[in-house]
Amino acid sequence: MPEAPDLEVIKEVLTRQVLGHRVAEVRVLKPIALRSLATQDLSSHLTGRTVTTVYRKGKFLFLNFSGDAVLAINPMLTGTLQLCDPGDRLYKRTCLVLTLGDDLELRYLDDRQMGKLYYVAANQLDLVPGLNDQGPDALTSDILFQEFKERLRAYCSEIKGILTRGSFIAGDRKRLQR
């Protein structure tokens, strides 16, 4: 499963390689991996748009496109991205292919189809399942150490379970005051 540092590296590579590229073609090979909240016809809706930004939030990677369209990628356990030439071998586990210009493809591959791709309008990001349920980002300083200690004091369990628990994420003050 890609962790935050892995996704940061992927984000940096995508920023260097795909930023500013126009989507020439979209092929959805395994529709089960894709959730489109912006349109029923992803291919015609995304074709012609340009990649404007790439960013990460928690375990999600985001590609923003011109026209306020967003592809949110949650690779889960087995999802991965491949940047390649259009003529390169297409693997059986390939779920989505974005052809960017004439010489580059961005492919989403997933052995077990556990990961999910969400195509949404920029104002629909709150509808992406799990996006707002993540804990504090380990690579940012959104939470001060003192606040982290105070939140942690209310729990007695293994750390991963604590950090992914909703009340810890939200900093539920009622739970902390007990």
Foldseek 3Di string as FASTA:
>chain_A
DDFPVNVVVVQVVCCVPAAFFFFQFKDFPACLQEAEPADPDVTVVRHGWGFHHWDDDGQWIWTATPPQKIKIKRQPPFKDKDKFFPPDDDDPQWGMWTDTPHGIIITIGGPVSPIHIYIYGNVCPVVPPPRVQAADDPVDPPDPPVLLVLLPVLDDDDPVVSRSDRCSRVVPVVSSVD
